[in-house]
Amino acid sequence: MMIEVFKTNVQESDRSRMLIKKLSEHFPASKINFDLEDCDKILRVEGNDFCAHHIIELLKLDGHYCEILT
């Protein structure tokens, strides 16, 4: 089981739900959620078969900032 945490600039819950739906289509076996209350607007992905760089690219294609939180 892998867990990756990303810092994003996603602000709205409607937008986060749309992005979760989109990411779930690419990574259906993963658990995906946002914490928009956190100052880093956290995106958390948990699963066995996902690519962090693919997630970053998908968010960037949608006009969002996304990087792995270190």
C-alpha atoms as a PDB file:
ATOM      1  CA  MET A   1       0.000   0.000   0.000  1.00  0.00           C
ATOM      2  CA  MET A   2       1.381   3.390  -1.042  1.00  0.00           C
ATOM      3  CA  ILE A   3       0.308   6.739   0.364  1.00  0.00           C
ATOM      4  CA  GLU A   4       1.245   9.989  -1.348  1.00  0.00           C
ATOM      5  CA  VAL A   5       0.415  13.481  -0.121  1.00  0.00           C
ATOM      6  CA  PHE A   6       0.365  16.466  -2.481  1.00  0.00           C
ATOM      7  CA  LYS A   7       0.250  20.217  -1.960  1.00  0.00           C
ATOM      8  CA  THR A   8      -2.260  21.857  -4.332  1.00  0.00           C
ATOM      9  CA  ASN A   9      -3.961  25.176  -4.994  1.00  0.00           C
ATOM     10  CA  VAL A  10      -7.480  23.700  -5.224  1.00  0.00           C
ATOM     11  CA  GLN A  11      -9.800  26.038  -3.300  1.00  0.00           C
ATOM     12  CA  GLU A  12     -13.411  24.981  -3.910  1.00  0.00           C
ATOM     13  CA  SER A  13     -15.074  21.771  -2.740  1.00  0.00           C
ATOM     14  CA  ASP A  14     -16.969  21.498  -6.060  1.00  0.00           C
ATOM     15  CA  ARG A  15     -13.655  21.559  -7.898  1.00  0.00           C
ATOM     16  CA  SER A  16     -12.133  18.986  -5.555  1.00  0.00           C
ATOM     17  CA  ARG A  17     -15.065  16.610  -6.127  1.00  0.00           C
ATOM     18  CA  MET A  18     -14.650  16.944  -9.902  1.00  0.00           C
ATOM     19  CA  LEU A  19     -10.922  16.246  -9.614  1.00  0.00           C
ATOM     20  CA  ILE A  20     -11.504  13.233  -7.358  1.00  0.00           C
ATOM     21  CA  LYS A  21     -13.902  11.840  -9.965  1.00  0.00           C
ATOM     22  CA  LYS A  22     -11.352  12.413 -12.746  1.00  0.00           C
ATOM     23  CA  LEU A  23      -8.483  10.874 -10.758  1.00  0.00           C
ATOM     24  CA  SER A  24     -10.669   7.917  -9.758  1.00  0.00           C
ATOM     25  CA  GLU A  25     -11.243   7.157 -13.437  1.00  0.00           C
ATOM     26  CA  HIS A  26      -7.459   6.836 -13.888  1.00  0.00           C
ATOM     27  CA  PHE A  27      -6.814   5.101 -10.552  1.00  0.00           C
ATOM     28  CA  PRO A  28     -10.044   3.247  -9.665  1.00  0.00           C
ATOM     29  CA  ALA A  29      -8.475   1.097  -6.926  1.00  0.00           C
ATOM     30  CA  SER A  30      -7.114   4.119  -5.027  1.00  0.00           C
ATOM     31  CA  LYS A  31      -8.657   6.077  -2.166  1.00  0.00           C
ATOM     32  CA  ILE A  32      -8.468   9.792  -3.038  1.00  0.00           C
ATOM     33  CA  ASN A  33      -9.439  12.817  -0.973  1.00  0.00           C
ATOM     34  CA  PHE A  34      -8.724  16.503  -0.440  1.00  0.00           C
ATOM     35  CA  ASP A  35      -8.281  18.414   2.803  1.00  0.00           C
ATOM     36  CA  LEU A  36      -9.145  21.960   1.760  1.00  0.00           C
ATOM     37  CA  GLU A  37      -9.051  23.152   5.387  1.00  0.00           C
ATOM     38  CA  ASP A  38      -5.295  22.560   5.462  1.00  0.00           C
ATOM     39  CA  CYS A  39      -3.136  25.517   4.406  1.00  0.00           C
ATOM     40  CA  ASP A  40      -1.530  23.326   1.720  1.00  0.00           C
ATOM     41  CA  LYS A  41      -4.913  22.220   0.263  1.00  0.00           C
ATOM     42  CA  ILE A  42      -3.818  18.589   0.647  1.00  0.00           C
ATOM     43  CA  LEU A  43      -4.585  15.883  -1.891  1.00  0.00           C
ATOM     44  CA  ARG A  44      -4.075  12.412  -0.403  1.00  0.00           C
ATOM     45  CA  VAL A  45      -3.925   9.273  -2.537  1.00  0.00           C
ATOM     46  CA  GLU A  46      -3.762   5.783  -1.063  1.00  0.00           C
ATOM     47  CA  GLY A  47      -3.488   2.621  -3.124  1.00  0.00           C
ATOM     48  CA  ASN A  48      -1.298   0.012  -4.746  1.00  0.00           C
ATOM     49  CA  ASP A  49      -1.256   1.131  -8.360  1.00  0.00           C
ATOM     50  CA  PHE A  50      -0.886   4.851  -9.023  1.00  0.00           C
ATOM     51  CA  CYS A  51       1.827   7.135 -10.360  1.00  0.00           C
ATOM     52  CA  ALA A  52       2.491  10.356  -8.443  1.00  0.00           C
ATOM     53  CA  HIS A  53       3.838  12.132 -11.518  1.00  0.00           C
ATOM     54  CA  HIS A  54       0.743  11.167 -13.524  1.00  0.00           C
ATOM     55  CA  ILE A  55      -1.444  12.690 -10.778  1.00  0.00           C
ATOM     56  CA  ILE A  56       0.592  15.901 -10.868  1.00  0.00           C
ATOM     57  CA  GLU A  57       0.278  16.086 -14.657  1.00  0.00           C
ATOM     58  CA  LEU A  58      -3.490  15.472 -14.564  1.00  0.00           C
ATOM     59  CA  LEU A  59      -3.977  18.346 -12.110  1.00  0.00           C
ATOM     60  CA  LYS A  60      -1.653  20.613 -14.111  1.00  0.00           C
ATOM     61  CA  LEU A  61      -3.619  19.862 -17.302  1.00  0.00           C
ATOM     62  CA  ASP A  62      -6.685  21.051 -15.403  1.00  0.00           C
ATOM     63  CA  GLY A  63      -4.918  24.311 -14.517  1.00  0.00           C
ATOM     64  CA  HIS A  64      -3.941  23.472 -10.935  1.00  0.00           C
ATOM     65  CA  TYR A  65      -0.678  23.562  -9.035  1.00  0.00           C
ATOM     66  CA  CYS A  66       0.288  20.190  -7.551  1.00  0.00           C
ATOM     67  CA  GLU A  67       3.516  18.910  -6.015  1.00  0.00           C
ATOM     68  CA  ILE A  68       4.509  16.076  -3.694  1.00  0.00           C
ATOM     69  CA  LEU A  69       4.534  17.347  -0.114  1.00  0.00           C
ATOM     70  CA  THR A  70       7.877  16.609   1.494  1.00  0.00           C
END
